[in-house]
Amino acid sequence: MVAHVTWLVERPVGSILLKECRITMASWQAAALSRFIAFKIKRKPTPDDDEAQIVRQARQKLGHMPGYVLPTIPDGLRICAVSLSTLDGDAVRGEWLAWKTDYPPVTVLYLHGGGYVTCSPQTHRPITVTLATLLRGRVFALDYRLAPEHRFPAALDDAVAAYRWLVETQGTAPHRLILAGDSAGGGLVLSTLVRVRELGVPLPAGAVLYSPWTDLAGTGQTLETNTERDVMFYGAGIRLAGRIYAGDTPPDHPLVSPLYADLTRLPPLLIFASSSEVLLDDARRLAERARAAGVPVELRIEDDLPHVWPLFCRLIPEGRRTLAQTAAFARRVVNQHAFSSQPLLLSSRHDNCFPACPPVTQH
């Protein structure tokens, strides 16, 4: 089945381009997957749900990916566990996924989703392995600290530390660096960009957000209007989850909910969302606010796909298409930045080094 594409908005305003693309007719594979996810994962919250119960259920249902979703590791890809130090000295884990090349054209810092309470770099290998392979480059997937054991700003501190580690210690050129993340990780990408800008650290070439969770205050209308259509979550459950991460911090704090942050001078954004997910308004309002702040934005809305559908790229064509679009965007913004900037070193010893690591088990 071939999807039809309808451009809803495509208007330049100076250097700004807000492009909203609507892709209709989900594949039969996506329709079948959505029914399966609704049966296995979706659960209506009750007034009796406490924090511990919410976290336990999230980790049970989302904390492990079944083998048929996980990718086969290509022969040309190396995966290695590493560690770094946060701004406050705590150890943070992550994993490098690097294509065997002396000159990686793009490096991606990937921040996984999971409501800030679950998931890991391993659960999100369908995305990170595919991106590293498509780009013939490198992906660093951060294993940031999770709530409720570590509430805001722990995840943000870890993400900023990872960014600075890549740029200042690993010698990764910011103009060849892309940030990407899904759901909570998508919101964390945006908060990281805002914080990095505040610190005066050079910004990356661009950022990609899949189904981003940008408003933990829960004010989006689609939390209500899509609560039955979303195959994974109810809107009420999203509001409860936001409190777990925010803790005593107001949920509309701009670094908790970057929808409310000053977005000026951020790099180009590529945003994906599904028409049926409860977080649709988080993506739409983010695109509008970023455009108003002068940020180049492309918003792509696909009809009736599950939340963060690129995770299922092994099962549905929409997932593979979205990751291919991500790779094309990364190449475009990196190349545009290279041609528009002052001459820079294309590589360095640090930029190309990769630590020795044991073989990775095939899935």
Protein backbone atom coordinates (compact mmCIF):
# COMPACT_ATOMS: atom_id res chain seq x y z
CA MET A 1 0.00 0.00 0.00
CA VAL A 2 1.41 3.38 -1.02
CA ALA A 3 0.90 6.38 1.26
CA HIS A 4 -0.47 9.64 -0.13
CA VAL A 5 1.35 12.82 0.86
CA THR A 6 -0.47 16.14 1.29
CA TRP A 7 1.43 19.32 2.18
CA LEU A 8 -0.64 21.27 4.66
CA VAL A 9 1.82 24.14 5.28
CA GLU A 10 5.00 25.11 3.47
CA ARG A 11 5.79 28.79 3.82
CA PRO A 12 9.15 30.57 3.98
CA VAL A 13 9.44 33.54 6.33
CA GLY A 14 12.91 34.94 5.84
CA SER A 15 15.21 32.05 6.70
CA ILE A 16 12.36 30.15 8.37
CA LEU A 17 10.57 27.23 6.81
CA LEU A 18 7.65 25.66 8.62
CA LYS A 19 6.72 22.61 6.64
CA GLU A 20 3.88 20.44 7.89
CA CYS A 21 3.52 17.23 5.96
CA ARG A 22 0.53 14.93 6.37
CA ILE A 23 1.05 11.32 5.31
CA THR A 24 -2.11 9.26 5.08
CA MET A 25 -3.07 5.61 4.69
CA ALA A 26 -1.04 3.67 7.23
CA SER A 27 0.23 0.34 5.93
CA TRP A 28 -1.51 -2.90 6.83
CA GLN A 29 1.58 -3.82 8.86
CA ALA A 30 1.21 -0.63 10.92
CA ALA A 31 -2.50 -1.24 11.44
CA ALA A 32 -1.81 -4.76 12.70
CA LEU A 33 0.99 -3.53 14.96
CA SER A 34 -1.28 -0.85 16.43
CA ARG A 35 -3.89 -3.42 17.38
CA PHE A 36 -1.22 -5.58 19.02
CA ILE A 37 0.23 -2.66 20.99
CA ALA A 38 -3.20 -1.58 22.21
CA PHE A 39 -3.82 -5.10 23.50
CA LYS A 40 -0.43 -5.52 25.17
CA ILE A 41 0.40 -2.06 26.54
CA LYS A 42 -2.50 0.37 26.80
CA ARG A 43 -4.00 0.58 30.28
CA LYS A 44 -6.39 3.15 31.69
CA PRO A 45 -5.05 4.81 34.87
CA THR A 46 -7.14 4.67 38.01
CA PRO A 47 -7.38 7.02 41.03
CA ASP A 48 -5.66 4.33 43.09
CA ASP A 49 -2.49 4.32 41.00
CA ASP A 50 0.49 5.52 43.01
CA GLU A 51 3.92 6.50 41.77
CA ALA A 52 5.57 3.19 42.56
CA GLN A 53 2.86 1.27 40.71
CA ILE A 54 3.08 3.51 37.63
CA VAL A 55 6.86 3.13 37.46
CA ARG A 56 6.74 -0.63 38.02
CA GLN A 57 4.20 -1.14 35.23
CA ALA A 58 6.11 1.11 32.84
CA ARG A 59 9.33 -0.80 33.42
CA GLN A 60 7.59 -4.15 33.02
CA LYS A 61 5.90 -3.21 29.75
CA LEU A 62 8.44 -0.92 28.12
CA GLY A 63 11.78 -1.73 29.71
CA HIS A 64 12.60 -4.66 27.42
CA MET A 65 12.22 -5.04 23.66
CA PRO A 66 11.22 -8.45 22.28
CA GLY A 67 13.75 -10.09 19.99
CA TYR A 68 11.60 -9.75 16.88
CA VAL A 69 11.79 -5.94 17.22
CA LEU A 70 15.54 -5.70 17.84
CA PRO A 71 17.80 -5.37 14.79
CA THR A 72 20.54 -7.61 13.52
CA ILE A 73 23.90 -5.94 14.09
CA PRO A 74 25.58 -5.38 10.69
CA ASP A 75 29.13 -6.64 10.23
CA GLY A 76 30.36 -3.10 9.64
CA LEU A 77 29.02 -1.74 12.94
CA ARG A 78 30.86 -1.77 16.27
CA ILE A 79 29.07 -1.29 19.58
CA CYS A 80 30.97 -0.45 22.74
CA ALA A 81 29.87 0.45 26.27
CA VAL A 82 31.52 3.59 27.68
CA SER A 83 31.16 5.81 30.74
CA LEU A 84 31.55 9.52 31.41
CA SER A 85 31.14 11.95 34.30
CA THR A 86 28.20 14.29 34.78
CA LEU A 87 28.54 17.92 35.80
CA ASP A 88 28.26 16.87 39.45
CA GLY A 89 30.73 14.01 39.11
CA ASP A 90 28.31 11.07 38.92
CA ALA A 91 29.11 8.27 36.48
CA VAL A 92 26.81 7.93 33.47
CA ARG A 93 26.72 5.03 31.06
CA GLY A 94 26.14 5.00 27.35
CA GLU A 95 27.07 3.07 24.25
CA TRP A 96 28.87 3.98 21.07
CA LEU A 97 27.57 2.59 17.81
CA ALA A 98 30.11 3.35 15.10
CA TRP A 99 30.44 2.35 11.48
CA LYS A 100 33.90 1.13 10.54
CA THR A 101 35.24 4.23 8.84
CA ASP A 102 38.16 6.54 9.49
CA TYR A 103 36.09 9.63 8.68
CA PRO A 104 32.55 9.44 10.15
CA PRO A 105 30.52 12.12 8.33
CA VAL A 106 27.96 12.58 11.12
CA THR A 107 27.78 11.91 14.85
CA VAL A 108 24.39 11.56 16.58
CA LEU A 109 23.76 11.98 20.30
CA TYR A 110 20.64 9.90 20.92
CA LEU A 111 18.39 10.32 23.98
CA HIS A 112 15.91 7.49 24.43
CA GLY A 113 12.31 7.84 25.53
CA GLY A 114 10.45 5.99 28.26
CA GLY A 115 8.72 8.70 30.27
CA TYR A 116 11.98 9.48 32.11
CA VAL A 117 11.37 6.31 34.18
CA THR A 118 12.29 3.38 31.92
CA CYS A 119 14.08 2.17 28.76
CA SER A 120 17.77 2.30 27.86
CA PRO A 121 20.15 2.46 24.90
CA GLN A 122 19.54 -1.27 24.39
CA THR A 123 15.76 -0.93 24.03
CA HIS A 124 16.27 1.74 21.37
CA ARG A 125 18.77 -0.10 19.20
CA PRO A 126 16.20 -0.41 16.38
CA ILE A 127 16.65 3.34 15.94
CA THR A 128 20.32 3.78 16.82
CA VAL A 129 21.63 0.80 14.85
CA THR A 130 19.64 1.87 11.80
CA LEU A 131 20.80 5.50 12.00
CA ALA A 132 24.45 4.54 12.40
CA THR A 133 24.12 2.22 9.41
CA LEU A 134 22.26 4.68 7.16
CA LEU A 135 24.69 7.49 7.97
CA ARG A 136 27.81 5.30 7.92
CA GLY A 137 28.61 7.37 10.99
CA ARG A 138 28.51 7.23 14.79
CA VAL A 139 25.74 7.29 17.38
CA PHE A 140 26.27 7.79 21.10
CA ALA A 141 23.19 6.55 22.97
CA LEU A 142 23.12 7.98 26.49
CA ASP A 143 21.97 5.86 29.43
CA TYR A 144 20.85 8.83 31.52
CA ARG A 145 19.62 8.54 35.11
CA LEU A 146 15.94 7.74 35.53
CA ALA A 147 13.19 8.96 37.84
CA PRO A 148 11.92 8.52 40.48
CA GLU A 149 15.34 7.54 41.83
CA HIS A 150 16.80 10.57 40.05
CA ARG A 151 14.31 13.36 39.31
CA PHE A 152 14.80 16.58 37.38
CA PRO A 153 17.43 17.86 36.63
CA ALA A 154 19.39 14.57 36.70
CA ALA A 155 18.54 13.50 33.13
CA LEU A 156 19.26 17.00 31.82
CA ASP A 157 22.58 17.21 33.67
CA ASP A 158 23.56 13.87 32.13
CA ALA A 159 22.54 14.93 28.63
CA VAL A 160 24.44 18.23 28.84
CA ALA A 161 27.48 16.40 30.22
CA ALA A 162 27.32 13.92 27.33
CA TYR A 163 27.08 16.74 24.79
CA ARG A 164 30.04 18.57 26.29
CA TRP A 165 31.99 15.28 26.49
CA LEU A 166 31.46 14.72 22.77
CA VAL A 167 32.41 18.28 21.81
CA GLU A 168 35.13 19.08 24.34
CA THR A 169 36.71 15.70 25.09
CA GLN A 170 36.04 13.53 22.04
CA GLY A 171 36.75 16.36 19.61
CA THR A 172 33.42 16.00 17.79
CA ALA A 173 32.86 19.11 15.68
CA PRO A 174 29.46 20.65 16.55
CA HIS A 175 28.72 21.30 12.87
CA ARG A 176 28.89 17.54 12.31
CA LEU A 177 26.76 16.66 15.34
CA ILE A 178 23.02 15.93 15.42
CA LEU A 179 20.84 15.47 18.51
CA ALA A 180 17.92 13.04 18.28
CA GLY A 181 15.42 11.59 20.71
CA ASP A 182 11.94 10.16 21.09
CA SER A 183 9.06 10.92 23.45
CA ALA A 184 10.64 11.99 26.77
CA GLY A 185 13.99 11.83 25.02
CA GLY A 186 12.66 14.24 22.40
CA GLY A 187 11.77 16.74 25.10
CA LEU A 188 15.15 16.14 26.69
CA VAL A 189 16.87 16.92 23.38
CA LEU A 190 15.12 20.28 23.30
CA SER A 191 15.96 21.05 26.95
CA THR A 192 19.57 20.10 26.24
CA LEU A 193 19.74 22.51 23.30
CA VAL A 194 18.35 25.32 25.46
CA ARG A 195 20.78 24.59 28.30
CA VAL A 196 23.79 24.24 25.97
CA ARG A 197 22.92 27.59 24.41
CA GLU A 198 22.67 29.17 27.87
CA LEU A 199 26.15 27.83 28.74
CA GLY A 200 27.64 29.32 25.60
CA VAL A 201 28.65 25.95 24.19
CA PRO A 202 28.48 25.74 20.36
CA LEU A 203 25.18 24.25 19.17
CA PRO A 204 24.89 21.20 16.89
CA ALA A 205 23.91 21.25 13.22
CA GLY A 206 20.33 20.16 13.91
CA ALA A 207 17.96 18.01 15.96
CA VAL A 208 15.35 15.33 15.24
CA LEU A 209 12.40 14.63 17.55
CA TYR A 210 10.10 11.59 17.32
CA SER A 211 6.73 12.03 19.07
CA PRO A 212 8.32 14.52 21.50
CA TRP A 213 6.94 15.04 25.01
CA THR A 214 7.50 18.77 25.47
CA ASP A 215 4.71 19.81 27.87
CA LEU A 216 4.77 17.95 31.18
CA ALA A 217 2.14 20.36 32.47
CA GLY A 218 -0.28 18.44 30.24
CA THR A 219 -2.13 21.31 28.57
CA GLY A 220 -2.37 19.94 25.03
CA GLN A 221 -5.89 19.39 23.70
CA THR A 222 -4.98 16.05 22.11
CA LEU A 223 -4.43 14.58 25.57
CA GLU A 224 -8.22 14.56 25.59
CA THR A 225 -9.24 14.34 21.94
CA ASN A 226 -6.85 11.46 21.11
CA THR A 227 -7.09 9.59 24.40
CA GLU A 228 -9.15 6.79 22.83
CA ARG A 229 -7.38 6.81 19.46
CA ASP A 230 -3.84 6.53 20.86
CA VAL A 231 -2.95 2.82 20.91
CA MET A 232 -0.37 3.15 23.67
CA PHE A 233 -1.38 5.79 26.23
CA TYR A 234 -4.30 7.62 27.80
CA GLY A 235 -3.95 11.36 28.28
CA ALA A 236 -4.53 11.05 32.02
CA GLY A 237 -1.59 8.66 32.29
CA ILE A 238 0.70 11.17 30.59
CA ARG A 239 -0.21 13.82 33.17
CA LEU A 240 0.54 11.43 36.04
CA ALA A 241 3.90 10.46 34.54
CA GLY A 242 4.98 14.09 34.24
CA ARG A 243 4.84 14.58 38.00
CA ILE A 244 7.21 11.66 38.58
CA TYR A 245 10.03 13.30 36.66
CA ALA A 246 9.36 16.90 37.70
CA GLY A 247 9.12 16.15 41.42
CA ASP A 248 8.93 19.42 43.33
CA THR A 249 9.78 21.49 40.24
CA PRO A 250 6.79 23.17 38.55
CA PRO A 251 5.87 21.09 35.48
CA ASP A 252 5.88 24.19 33.27
CA HIS A 253 9.50 25.01 34.15
CA PRO A 254 11.14 25.66 30.76
CA LEU A 255 13.79 22.99 31.24
CA VAL A 256 11.22 20.42 32.40
CA SER A 257 8.75 21.36 29.66
CA PRO A 258 10.80 22.96 26.88
CA LEU A 259 7.63 23.98 25.09
CA TYR A 260 7.74 27.01 27.43
CA ALA A 261 11.46 27.75 26.88
CA ASP A 262 13.03 30.53 24.85
CA LEU A 263 13.76 28.76 21.57
CA THR A 264 15.65 31.52 19.79
CA ARG A 265 18.89 30.63 18.00
CA LEU A 266 18.28 26.89 18.13
CA PRO A 267 19.42 24.82 15.14
CA PRO A 268 17.03 23.38 12.50
CA LEU A 269 14.43 20.94 13.86
CA LEU A 270 12.80 17.94 12.19
CA ILE A 271 9.74 16.82 14.18
CA PHE A 272 7.65 13.67 13.66
CA ALA A 273 4.28 12.90 15.25
CA SER A 274 1.26 10.68 14.63
CA SER A 275 -2.20 12.14 14.06
CA SER A 276 -3.68 9.71 16.59
CA GLU A 277 -1.29 10.08 19.52
CA VAL A 278 -2.07 12.03 22.67
CA LEU A 279 1.20 13.97 22.34
CA LEU A 280 0.32 15.36 18.90
CA ASP A 281 -0.25 18.85 20.30
CA ASP A 282 3.15 18.76 22.00
CA ALA A 283 4.71 18.48 18.54
CA ARG A 284 2.40 20.95 16.81
CA ARG A 285 2.77 23.68 19.42
CA LEU A 286 6.52 23.18 19.54
CA ALA A 287 6.75 23.66 15.77
CA GLU A 288 4.72 26.87 15.94
CA ARG A 289 6.72 28.29 18.85
CA ALA A 290 10.03 27.40 17.22
CA ARG A 291 8.94 29.00 13.95
CA ALA A 292 7.91 32.15 15.81
CA ALA A 293 11.37 32.20 17.40
CA GLY A 294 13.06 32.11 13.99
CA VAL A 295 14.05 28.44 14.03
CA PRO A 296 13.86 26.45 10.74
CA VAL A 297 11.27 23.72 11.41
CA GLU A 298 9.87 20.81 9.49
CA LEU A 299 6.89 19.01 11.06
CA ARG A 300 5.82 15.65 9.63
CA ILE A 301 2.52 14.17 10.81
CA GLU A 302 1.64 10.60 9.86
CA ASP A 303 -1.84 9.18 10.20
CA ASP A 304 -2.74 6.50 12.72
CA LEU A 305 0.72 5.26 13.64
CA PRO A 306 1.77 4.19 17.14
CA HIS A 307 3.79 6.49 19.39
CA VAL A 308 7.48 6.50 18.34
CA TRP A 309 6.89 4.21 15.36
CA PRO A 310 10.58 4.24 14.24
CA LEU A 311 11.19 1.77 17.08
CA PHE A 312 9.31 -0.75 14.95
CA CYS A 313 11.31 -0.19 11.79
CA ARG A 314 11.95 -3.90 11.47
CA LEU A 315 8.19 -4.50 11.27
CA ILE A 316 6.60 -1.55 9.45
CA PRO A 317 7.63 0.42 6.33
CA GLU A 318 6.75 3.74 7.98
CA GLY A 319 9.49 3.20 10.56
CA ARG A 320 12.12 2.60 7.88
CA ARG A 321 10.92 5.59 5.88
CA THR A 322 11.11 7.92 8.89
CA LEU A 323 14.66 6.84 9.70
CA ALA A 324 15.67 7.34 6.07
CA GLN A 325 14.19 10.86 6.23
CA THR A 326 16.15 11.43 9.43
CA ALA A 327 19.41 10.42 7.77
CA ALA A 328 18.67 12.69 4.78
CA PHE A 329 17.97 15.62 7.12
CA ALA A 330 21.19 14.98 9.05
CA ARG A 331 23.27 14.96 5.87
CA ARG A 332 21.55 18.10 4.61
CA VAL A 333 22.05 20.25 7.69
CA VAL A 334 25.62 19.05 8.20
CA ASN A 335 26.48 19.83 4.58
CA GLN A 336 24.71 23.19 4.67
CA HIS A 337 26.60 24.15 7.80
CA ALA A 338 29.91 23.03 6.30
CA PHE A 339 29.44 25.17 3.18
CA SER A 340 28.15 28.24 5.04
CA SER A 341 30.74 28.26 7.85
CA GLN A 342 34.32 29.41 7.97
CA PRO A 343 36.83 26.71 6.98
CA LEU A 344 37.12 24.10 9.71
CA LEU A 345 39.12 20.94 10.17
CA LEU A 346 37.18 18.07 8.65
CA SER A 347 38.61 15.59 11.10
CA SER A 348 40.83 15.20 14.11
CA ARG A 349 42.50 12.38 15.91
CA HIS A 350 39.87 12.60 18.63
CA ASP A 351 37.02 12.76 16.13
CA ASN A 352 37.90 9.42 14.60
CA CYS A 353 39.12 7.42 17.57
CA PHE A 354 37.02 4.56 18.86
CA PRO A 355 37.87 2.48 21.91
CA ALA A 356 38.46 -1.22 21.57
CA CYS A 357 35.47 -3.27 22.66
CA PRO A 358 34.33 -6.89 22.69
CA PRO A 359 32.05 -8.30 19.98
CA VAL A 360 28.35 -7.59 20.33
CA THR A 361 25.88 -10.44 20.56
CA GLN A 362 23.74 -10.74 17.44
CA HIS A 363 19.95 -10.57 17.80
